[in-house]
Amino acid sequence: MTDTNTNDSLDFYKDAMALLAGEKEALKGADFARLETLYEQKQELLERIAARRDTLSREQLERMARESRANDKLLGAAQRGLRAVARRLSETHRAAEHLDTYTESGKREDLGPVKPSFEKRA
């Protein structure tokens, strides 16, 4: 490998690690707009890795894989958090519109929509 190829590989590796670090930062900061942009860049990066993997060392490839797996875990946690928020918002919305109570036998009973307790008068 020539010095030019070595420098190109090092630059490529640094760019890849910077992209993964940016993805991690965006995941931790819930910056979903940035994640969308980084996703496109990551797809390009994966294509470049496939084309150039013989120019990267095993250690470099393993480190990129570790960082990517760590980001995947963060992404999974973010997805679970978003689903929990959506579920909670749905429950809160339903509670504001319906009145549930329990029967003597412990079964939940929906008493229907909550009606306002005051009248609007002109």
Protein backbone atom coordinates (compact mmCIF):
# COMPACT_ATOMS: atom_id res chain seq x y z
CA MET A 1 0.00 0.00 0.00
CA THR A 2 1.43 3.38 -0.94
CA ASP A 3 1.56 6.41 1.33
CA THR A 4 -1.27 8.00 -0.67
CA ASN A 5 -3.47 4.92 -0.15
CA THR A 6 -2.54 4.86 3.54
CA ASN A 7 -3.49 8.53 3.94
CA ASP A 8 -6.74 7.99 2.00
CA SER A 9 -7.61 5.02 4.21
CA LEU A 10 -6.82 6.96 7.36
CA ASP A 11 -8.94 9.89 6.19
CA PHE A 12 -11.76 7.52 5.28
CA TYR A 13 -11.53 5.84 8.69
CA LYS A 14 -11.57 9.20 10.49
CA ASP A 15 -14.58 10.31 8.44
CA ALA A 16 -16.40 7.07 9.24
CA MET A 17 -15.70 7.37 12.96
CA ALA A 18 -16.80 11.03 12.94
CA LEU A 19 -20.06 10.03 11.27
CA LEU A 20 -20.67 7.32 13.88
CA ALA A 21 -19.87 9.78 16.69
CA GLY A 22 -22.29 12.29 15.15
CA GLU A 23 -24.96 9.60 14.99
CA LYS A 24 -24.39 8.75 18.65
CA GLU A 25 -24.66 12.42 19.62
CA ALA A 26 -27.87 12.86 17.60
CA LEU A 27 -29.38 9.73 19.17
CA LYS A 28 -28.56 10.88 22.68
CA GLY A 29 -29.93 14.36 21.92
CA ALA A 30 -33.07 13.06 20.16
CA ASP A 31 -32.14 15.13 17.10
CA PHE A 32 -34.29 13.21 14.63
CA ALA A 33 -33.82 15.67 11.76
CA ARG A 34 -30.06 15.20 11.99
CA LEU A 35 -30.49 11.43 12.22
CA GLU A 36 -32.32 11.45 8.91
CA THR A 37 -29.41 13.22 7.23
CA LEU A 38 -26.88 10.96 8.94
CA TYR A 39 -28.84 7.88 7.82
CA GLU A 40 -28.31 8.84 4.19
CA GLN A 41 -24.62 9.49 4.85
CA LYS A 42 -24.36 6.16 6.66
CA GLN A 43 -25.79 4.32 3.65
CA GLU A 44 -23.11 5.90 1.47
CA LEU A 45 -20.50 5.00 4.07
CA LEU A 46 -21.55 1.34 4.04
CA GLU A 47 -21.16 1.25 0.26
CA ARG A 48 -17.72 2.82 0.56
CA ILE A 49 -16.70 0.35 3.25
CA ALA A 50 -17.76 -2.57 1.07
CA ALA A 51 -15.70 -1.18 -1.81
CA ARG A 52 -12.65 -0.35 0.32
CA ARG A 53 -12.64 -2.86 3.13
CA ASP A 54 -9.33 -4.33 1.96
CA THR A 55 -7.67 -0.94 2.60
CA LEU A 56 -8.79 -0.81 6.24
CA SER A 57 -7.16 -2.77 9.03
CA ARG A 58 -9.05 -5.45 10.93
CA GLU A 59 -8.88 -3.27 14.06
CA GLN A 60 -10.42 -0.33 12.22
CA LEU A 61 -13.26 -2.47 10.85
CA GLU A 62 -13.90 -4.00 14.29
CA ARG A 63 -13.98 -0.58 15.97
CA MET A 64 -16.44 0.75 13.38
CA ALA A 65 -18.60 -2.35 13.89
CA ARG A 66 -18.55 -1.86 17.70
CA GLU A 67 -19.54 1.78 17.38
CA SER A 68 -22.29 0.92 14.94
CA ARG A 69 -23.69 -1.79 17.26
CA ALA A 70 -23.64 0.65 20.18
CA ASN A 71 -25.56 3.17 18.09
CA ASP A 72 -28.05 0.46 17.12
CA LYS A 73 -28.72 -0.13 20.83
CA LEU A 74 -29.28 3.60 21.35
CA LEU A 75 -31.63 3.68 18.37
CA GLY A 76 -33.60 0.75 19.80
CA ALA A 77 -33.89 2.54 23.15
CA ALA A 78 -35.07 5.71 21.41
CA GLN A 79 -37.70 3.74 19.50
CA ARG A 80 -38.95 2.09 22.70
CA GLY A 81 -39.10 5.51 24.37
CA LEU A 82 -41.10 7.00 21.51
CA ARG A 83 -43.54 4.09 21.58
CA ALA A 84 -43.97 4.53 25.35
CA VAL A 85 -44.65 8.25 24.93
CA ALA A 86 -47.18 7.58 22.16
CA ARG A 87 -48.90 4.95 24.32
CA ARG A 88 -49.01 7.30 27.31
CA LEU A 89 -50.38 10.17 25.23
CA SER A 90 -53.06 7.87 23.86
CA GLU A 91 -54.00 6.77 27.39
CA THR A 92 -54.12 10.38 28.58
CA HIS A 93 -56.27 11.41 25.62
CA ARG A 94 -58.66 8.52 26.22
CA ALA A 95 -58.87 9.30 29.94
CA ALA A 96 -59.81 12.88 29.16
CA GLU A 97 -62.66 11.73 26.94
CA HIS A 98 -63.98 8.63 28.72
CA LEU A 99 -64.79 7.75 32.26
CA ASP A 100 -63.82 4.25 33.32
CA THR A 101 -64.87 2.71 36.58
CA TYR A 102 -64.80 -0.76 38.09
CA THR A 103 -67.70 -3.01 38.99
CA GLU A 104 -68.01 -4.87 42.29
CA SER A 105 -66.50 -7.91 40.58
CA GLY A 106 -63.43 -5.88 39.53
CA LYS A 107 -64.21 -5.61 35.84
CA ARG A 108 -63.54 -2.32 34.14
CA GLU A 109 -66.59 -0.56 32.80
CA ASP A 110 -66.53 2.33 30.33
CA LEU A 111 -69.19 4.85 31.23
CA GLY A 112 -68.73 6.61 27.91
CA PRO A 113 -67.63 10.09 27.01
CA VAL A 114 -67.21 12.61 29.79
CA LYS A 115 -69.78 15.40 29.55
CA PRO A 116 -68.91 18.92 30.60
CA SER A 117 -70.25 19.78 34.04
CA PHE A 118 -71.09 23.35 33.20
CA GLU A 119 -73.19 25.10 30.59
CA LYS A 120 -72.12 27.94 28.40
CA ARG A 121 -74.67 30.75 28.44
CA ALA A 122 -74.86 33.70 26.18
